[in-house]
Protein backbone atom coordinates (compact mmCIF):
# COMPACT_ATOMS: atom_id res chain seq x y z
CA VAL A 1 124.60 -6.40 146.62
CA GLU A 2 124.01 -9.29 144.76
CA LEU A 3 126.03 -11.56 147.40
CA CYS A 4 123.56 -10.28 150.27
CA GLY A 5 120.39 -10.38 148.18
CA ALA A 6 121.59 -14.14 147.29
CA LEU A 7 122.16 -14.45 151.41
CA LEU A 8 119.14 -13.00 152.01
CA HIS A 9 117.24 -15.29 149.86
CA PHE A 10 118.86 -18.33 151.06
CA LEU A 11 118.44 -17.06 154.64
CA SER A 12 114.20 -16.61 154.07
CA LYS A 13 113.35 -19.26 151.49
CA GLU A 14 116.02 -21.84 151.53
CA ALA A 15 117.46 -22.19 154.78
CA PRO A 16 114.19 -23.07 156.50
CA SER A 17 113.70 -26.58 154.42
CA ARG A 18 117.40 -27.48 153.66
CA LEU A 19 118.86 -26.97 157.36
CA GLU A 20 117.48 -28.99 160.31
CA PRO A 21 116.84 -27.96 163.10
CA TYR A 22 116.67 -24.49 161.90
CA LEU A 23 115.97 -21.42 164.47
CA ASP A 24 113.92 -19.19 162.78
CA SER A 25 114.27 -15.70 164.11
CA ASP A 26 112.00 -13.61 166.26
CA VAL A 27 109.26 -12.17 164.83
CA ILE A 28 109.33 -9.06 167.65
CA ALA A 29 112.91 -8.71 167.15
CA LEU A 30 112.56 -8.61 163.09
CA ALA A 31 109.82 -5.89 163.53
CA HIS A 32 111.89 -3.64 166.04
CA PHE A 33 114.75 -4.02 163.64
CA TRP A 34 112.28 -2.68 160.66
CA LEU A 35 111.27 0.45 163.09
CA VAL A 36 114.98 1.23 164.04
CA SER A 37 117.40 0.28 161.60
CA PRO A 38 118.83 2.00 158.83
CA GLU A 39 117.25 1.48 155.41
CA SER A 40 119.37 -1.49 154.11
CA ALA A 41 118.80 -3.62 157.18
CA ARG A 42 115.33 -2.40 157.37
CA ALA A 43 114.79 -3.95 154.15
CA THR A 44 116.29 -6.99 155.07
CA ALA A 45 114.40 -6.90 158.21
CA HIS A 46 110.88 -6.54 156.50
CA ALA A 47 112.05 -9.66 153.81
CA LEU A 48 112.83 -11.89 157.02
CA LEU A 49 110.11 -10.89 158.80
CA SER A 50 107.11 -11.13 155.89
CA ALA A 51 109.07 -14.86 155.16
CA ARG A 52 109.00 -15.99 158.34
CA LEU A 53 105.19 -15.32 159.15
CA GLY A 54 104.45 -16.64 155.51
CA ARG A 55 105.58 -20.33 156.28
CA THR A 56 104.35 -20.19 159.73
CA GLN A 57 101.77 -23.28 160.23
CA PRO A 58 98.13 -21.66 160.82
CA ALA A 59 97.56 -22.52 164.17
CA THR A 60 101.05 -21.04 165.26
CA ARG A 61 100.29 -18.18 163.29
CA GLN A 62 97.06 -17.75 165.09
CA ALA A 63 98.91 -17.89 168.08
CA ILE A 64 101.29 -15.09 167.24
CA VAL A 65 97.95 -12.96 167.05
CA THR A 66 95.98 -14.03 170.06
CA GLU A 67 99.64 -12.97 172.39
CA TRP A 68 100.21 -9.85 170.44
CA THR A 69 96.37 -8.99 170.52
CA ALA A 70 96.61 -9.20 174.04
CA LYS A 71 99.29 -7.09 174.39
CA LEU A 72 97.46 -4.24 172.18
CA ASN A 73 94.74 -4.14 174.44
CA GLU A 74 96.83 -4.58 177.52
CA ARG A 75 98.36 -1.48 176.17
CA ALA A 76 95.26 0.17 176.02
CA ALA A 77 93.77 -0.29 179.09
CA VAL A 78 96.77 1.51 180.30
CA VAL A 79 97.03 4.61 178.00
CA GLY A 80 93.37 4.81 176.69
CA PRO A 81 92.61 3.57 173.23
CA ALA A 82 94.13 6.06 170.66
CA PRO A 83 96.91 4.37 168.90
CA ALA A 84 100.50 5.85 169.18
CA GLY A 85 101.26 5.28 165.68
CA LEU A 86 104.30 2.95 165.86
CA ALA A 87 106.19 5.01 168.14
CA GLY A 88 105.18 3.51 171.48
CA PRO A 89 105.87 0.41 172.71
CA GLU A 90 103.13 -1.32 170.98
CA GLY A 91 104.83 -0.56 167.64
CA PRO A 92 106.42 -3.79 167.38
CA ALA A 93 103.36 -5.63 167.76
CA VAL A 94 101.53 -3.43 165.22
CA ILE A 95 104.08 -4.04 162.44
CA VAL A 96 103.83 -8.05 163.22
CA LEU A 97 100.23 -7.75 163.19
CA ALA A 98 100.03 -5.72 160.22
CA VAL A 99 102.45 -8.02 158.22
CA ILE A 100 100.12 -10.76 159.34
CA GLY A 101 97.04 -9.25 157.98
CA SER A 102 98.43 -8.12 155.03
CA HIS A 103 99.15 -11.46 154.02
CA PHE A 104 96.30 -13.58 155.78
CA VAL A 105 93.13 -10.94 155.70
CA ASP A 106 91.23 -13.71 157.53
CA SER A 107 93.74 -13.97 160.71
CA LEU A 108 92.64 -10.77 162.67
CA ASN A 109 89.28 -10.02 164.05
CA THR A 110 87.29 -7.04 163.38
CA ALA A 111 88.28 -5.02 166.66
CA THR A 112 92.39 -5.78 165.80
CA ALA A 113 91.90 -5.11 162.35
CA ALA A 114 90.44 -1.72 163.37
CA ARG A 115 93.08 -0.97 165.84
CA VAL A 116 95.53 -1.96 163.61
CA ALA A 117 94.34 0.21 160.64
CA LYS A 118 94.14 3.41 162.97
CA ALA A 119 97.64 2.73 164.26
CA LEU A 120 98.91 2.65 160.79
CA VAL A 121 97.05 5.55 159.64
CA ALA A 122 98.73 7.70 162.67
CA ALA A 123 102.01 6.66 161.67
CA LEU A 124 101.80 7.64 157.81
CA SER A 125 101.47 11.39 159.52
CA SER A 126 104.72 10.57 161.91
CA ALA A 127 107.84 13.06 161.92
CA ILE A 128 110.07 9.52 162.33
CA LEU A 129 110.86 8.88 158.83
CA LEU A 130 111.28 5.25 159.25
CA HIS A 131 107.77 4.89 160.87
CA SER A 132 105.81 6.62 157.56
CA LYS A 133 107.45 4.45 155.30
CA ALA A 134 106.78 1.37 157.35
CA ALA A 135 102.98 2.60 157.78
CA SER A 136 102.74 3.46 153.88
CA HIS A 137 104.26 0.30 152.92
CA LEU A 138 101.96 -2.03 155.36
CA LEU A 139 98.69 0.19 154.14
CA ALA A 140 99.68 -0.57 150.89
CA ARG A 141 100.08 -4.07 151.09
CA GLY A 142 97.19 -4.61 153.34
CA ALA A 143 94.52 -2.14 151.75
CA ALA A 144 91.84 -4.70 151.16
CA LEU A 145 91.83 -5.33 154.81
CA TRP A 146 93.01 -2.16 156.42
CA CYS A 147 90.56 0.02 153.95
CA ARG A 148 87.28 -2.12 155.81
CA HIS A 149 88.01 -0.03 158.88
CA LEU A 150 89.12 3.51 158.20
CA THR A 151 87.34 6.24 159.93
CA ASP A 152 88.04 8.63 157.61
CA PRO A 153 88.82 7.58 154.14
CA LEU A 154 88.98 10.85 152.58
CA ALA A 155 91.44 11.80 154.71
CA LEU A 156 94.08 8.82 154.14
CA LEU A 157 93.62 9.25 150.12
CA ARG A 158 94.37 13.12 150.64
CA THR A 159 97.45 12.30 152.85
CA LEU A 160 98.61 9.38 150.28
CA TYR A 161 97.82 11.68 147.32
CA THR A 162 100.24 14.61 149.23
CA ARG A 163 102.70 12.28 149.77
CA TYR A 164 102.97 11.21 146.21
CA TRP A 165 102.46 15.02 144.96
CA ARG A 166 105.41 15.85 147.29
CA TRP A 167 107.07 12.93 147.90
CA GLN A 168 110.62 14.86 148.15
CA ASP A 169 109.23 16.84 151.27
CA PHE A 170 108.37 13.51 153.35
CA GLY A 171 111.84 11.55 152.63
CA THR A 172 110.54 8.56 150.60
CA THR A 173 110.70 8.45 146.77
CA MET A 174 107.89 8.62 143.92
CA GLN A 175 107.53 4.45 143.56
CA GLU A 176 107.03 3.69 147.40
CA ALA A 177 104.39 6.94 147.64
CA GLU A 178 102.80 5.65 144.30
CA PHE A 179 102.65 2.13 144.99
CA ALA A 180 100.60 3.18 148.41
CA LEU A 181 98.42 5.36 145.95
CA ARG A 182 97.71 2.61 143.69
CA SER A 183 96.95 0.11 146.26
CA VAL A 184 94.42 2.02 147.95
CA ALA A 185 92.63 3.81 145.32
CA PRO A 186 91.16 0.67 143.38
CA ILE A 187 89.16 -0.14 146.87
CA LEU A 188 87.96 3.71 148.06
CA PRO A 189 87.35 4.95 144.09
CA SER A 190 84.77 7.24 145.16
CA GLU A 191 87.51 9.00 147.71
CA PHE A 192 90.25 9.03 145.25
CA VAL A 193 88.15 10.91 142.75
CA GLU A 194 86.84 13.52 144.86
CA VAL A 195 90.79 13.75 146.05
CA ILE A 196 91.45 13.88 142.06
CA GLY A 197 88.65 16.83 141.94
CA GLU A 198 90.08 18.97 144.88
CA GLU A 199 93.94 18.52 143.38
CA ALA A 200 92.40 19.48 140.03
CA SER A 201 90.74 22.49 140.80
CA ARG A 202 93.96 23.87 142.72
CA HIS A 203 93.93 26.52 140.01
CA SER A 204 92.99 30.55 139.89
CA GLN A 205 92.23 32.58 137.03
CA LEU A 206 95.56 33.70 136.57
CA VAL A 207 96.99 29.86 136.28
CA CYS A 208 100.79 30.08 137.45
CA HIS A 209 102.93 27.41 136.69
CA VAL A 210 102.70 25.31 140.32
CA ARG A 211 98.92 25.76 139.91
CA SER A 212 98.36 24.55 136.74
CA GLU A 213 101.15 21.63 137.24
CA ARG A 214 99.36 20.34 140.14
CA SER A 215 96.16 20.26 138.00
CA VAL A 216 97.61 18.32 135.33
CA THR A 217 99.55 16.07 137.32
CA ALA A 218 95.52 15.28 139.37
CA ILE A 219 94.31 14.73 135.07
CA ARG A 220 97.34 12.36 134.89
CA VAL A 221 96.99 10.51 137.95
CA LEU A 222 93.24 9.94 137.29
CA VAL A 223 93.87 8.66 133.73
CA ALA A 224 97.05 5.99 135.31
CA MET A 225 94.58 4.76 137.33
CA ILE A 226 91.79 4.46 135.14
CA LYS A 227 94.09 2.07 132.70
CA ARG A 228 95.12 0.24 135.43
CA HIS A 229 92.26 -0.84 137.23
CA PRO A 230 89.06 0.18 134.94
CA LEU A 231 86.39 -1.88 136.53
CA PRO A 232 87.15 -1.07 140.20
CA MET A 233 86.89 2.77 138.86
CA LEU A 234 83.54 2.07 137.16
CA PRO A 235 81.49 3.24 140.15
CA ALA A 236 83.13 6.34 140.01
CA LEU A 237 83.07 7.21 136.36
CA PRO A 238 80.36 9.90 136.33
CA ARG A 239 82.23 11.82 138.87
CA ALA A 240 85.76 11.16 137.31
CA VAL A 241 83.80 13.13 134.24
CA GLU A 242 82.54 15.57 135.91
CA VAL A 243 86.22 16.55 137.62
CA VAL A 244 88.09 16.03 134.14
CA LEU A 245 85.22 19.05 133.00
CA SER A 246 85.71 21.15 135.45
CA THR A 247 89.09 21.93 134.07
CA LEU A 248 87.72 22.94 130.73
CA ASP A 249 85.15 25.44 131.95
CA PRO A 250 84.82 28.37 129.70
CA ALA A 251 84.46 30.87 132.57
CA HIS A 252 88.22 30.58 133.20
CA PRO A 253 89.96 30.72 129.76
CA LEU A 254 93.59 30.43 130.90
CA VAL A 255 92.61 27.32 133.22
CA ARG A 256 91.06 25.83 129.83
CA GLN A 257 93.62 26.59 127.86
CA ALA A 258 96.06 25.05 130.09
CA LEU A 259 94.56 21.95 130.73
CA MET A 260 92.89 21.36 127.44
CA GLN A 261 95.01 18.95 126.23
CA HIS A 262 95.64 16.73 129.23
CA SER A 263 91.49 16.77 129.88
CA THR A 264 90.44 15.96 126.54
CA ALA A 265 93.15 13.39 126.06
CA ALA A 266 91.79 12.17 129.78
CA LEU A 267 88.16 12.10 128.25
CA LYS A 268 89.50 9.94 125.18
CA GLU A 269 90.87 7.41 127.12
CA ILE A 270 87.98 6.95 129.45
CA VAL A 271 85.72 6.41 125.94
CA ARG A 272 88.28 4.02 124.78
CA ARG A 273 88.46 1.98 128.02
CA PHE A 274 84.75 2.36 129.05
CA PRO A 275 81.62 1.32 126.74
CA GLN A 276 79.98 3.05 129.51
CA ALA A 277 80.66 6.33 128.03
CA THR A 278 80.29 7.92 124.61
CA PHE A 279 81.22 11.45 122.88
CA HIS A 280 79.85 13.02 119.94
CA GLN A 281 81.90 15.13 118.17
CA GLU A 282 79.54 17.76 116.60
CA THR A 283 77.12 18.62 119.42
CA GLN A 284 79.92 18.63 122.24
CA ARG A 285 77.93 15.67 124.25
CA PHE A 286 79.45 13.48 126.69
CA ALA A 287 77.21 10.65 127.92
CA VAL A 288 78.20 8.39 130.48
CA GLY A 289 76.13 5.55 132.04
CA THR A 290 76.08 4.84 135.97
CA VAL A 291 75.76 1.20 138.15
CA ASP A 292 72.85 3.41 139.61
CA ALA A 293 71.05 2.95 136.36
CA LEU A 294 70.72 5.94 135.10
CA VAL A 295 72.74 8.07 132.03
CA VAL A 296 74.45 11.72 132.65
CA ILE A 297 74.83 13.85 129.47
CA PHE A 298 77.56 16.30 129.86
CA ASP A 299 77.85 19.46 127.90
CA VAL A 300 81.40 19.75 126.69
CA ARG A 301 81.38 23.22 125.47
CA THR A 302 79.54 24.53 128.75
CA ALA A 303 81.74 21.80 131.20
CA THR A 304 78.12 20.98 132.58
CA LYS A 305 75.78 18.61 133.46
CA TRP A 306 73.14 18.97 130.89
CA ARG A 307 70.89 16.03 131.61
CA VAL A 308 70.30 12.88 133.65
CA LEU A 309 68.26 9.88 131.83
CA GLU A 310 66.20 7.62 133.93
CA GLY A 311 64.52 4.16 132.53
CA HIS A 312 66.81 1.44 133.45
CA GLU A 313 66.43 -1.22 136.25
CA GLY A 314 69.73 -2.06 136.40
CA ALA A 315 73.56 -0.73 135.74
CA ILE A 316 74.08 0.91 132.69
CA SER A 317 76.56 -1.49 130.11
CA ALA A 318 76.79 0.46 127.19
CA VAL A 319 76.01 3.53 125.73
CA THR A 320 76.13 5.37 122.09
CA PHE A 321 75.28 8.33 120.19
CA ASP A 322 73.33 8.16 116.91
CA GLY A 323 74.99 9.77 113.87
CA ALA A 324 73.27 13.34 114.39
CA GLY A 325 74.00 13.18 118.03
CA GLN A 326 70.14 13.50 118.87
CA ARG A 327 69.47 9.96 119.82
CA LEU A 328 71.04 7.68 122.94
CA ALA A 329 71.04 4.02 122.62
CA THR A 330 71.45 2.59 126.11
CA PHE A 331 72.16 -1.29 127.37
CA SER A 332 71.67 -2.86 130.85
CA ALA A 333 72.96 -6.16 130.85
CA ALA A 334 71.50 -6.42 134.39
CA ALA A 335 67.89 -5.87 133.24
CA SER A 336 68.60 -7.36 129.57
CA ARG A 337 66.82 -4.47 128.12
CA ALA A 338 67.61 -2.03 125.42
CA SER A 339 66.35 1.80 124.88
């Protein structure tokens, strides 16, 4: 394994600069190997393709984009605009354009990026294991680009979360599934939190192990994302608090008991990470300042939204209760105003 790794490093990183003349691998051949080869050869093809495109001069790289964009358009003229994921003749072209777009976000025009994003999303649900794994990897690597062109971002987050929760059923690894979810979620925080809300609510009054474990996992994933990407998650913070509190609804005592430890830990982590959130123990009130210049106050005892306060002209930067929990101080850096 070490010898193969050293050889791969030499071929992808050192040989082009040390050997003259050096004949680079054909990008479409490498893309084809990535789609049809066994796992070990597929990883090698991916590494060589990424290195090959990474050291290509901008003009040459743009010529590749132009050539294979034209081929995609020719294919669309024949079979229609809907992509066949990576299974059709355009599969290698999608791979090449996706690798380029993932590393050089300005290389693809809007129409091409949208077509590639659509093809990758379609391939994510492919019955062909190698195609779904390639799509997952490329969606993660180029998430900043592909997420701009999604027609249904919520559906993508649902798919990625399902692949994470049931990774064995999709023939992938937990690390690969987590990488894809972790890459896309900070770019689509509102959609991510909605999916977490759906997953956290998959319980009933009669909690069984599978249902409660699924809800616990959803809360854990939310906390992990907040720890890793607090700033991108800020716009979705009020909804995230609402999702966590929904698991503490006293109307469902068995659910509340099963998730109490994990949900209260999540609320503590939110307070620790965000000055926009605060909790008062005696009154059991939880306040969250929003980017929309509002302050939302929740009643933790009833797991409900208690009040929504207005008054600031900019995003709320910090909130805190007084000692008695009867007054709330807020500050907006954008408006340079405290109240």
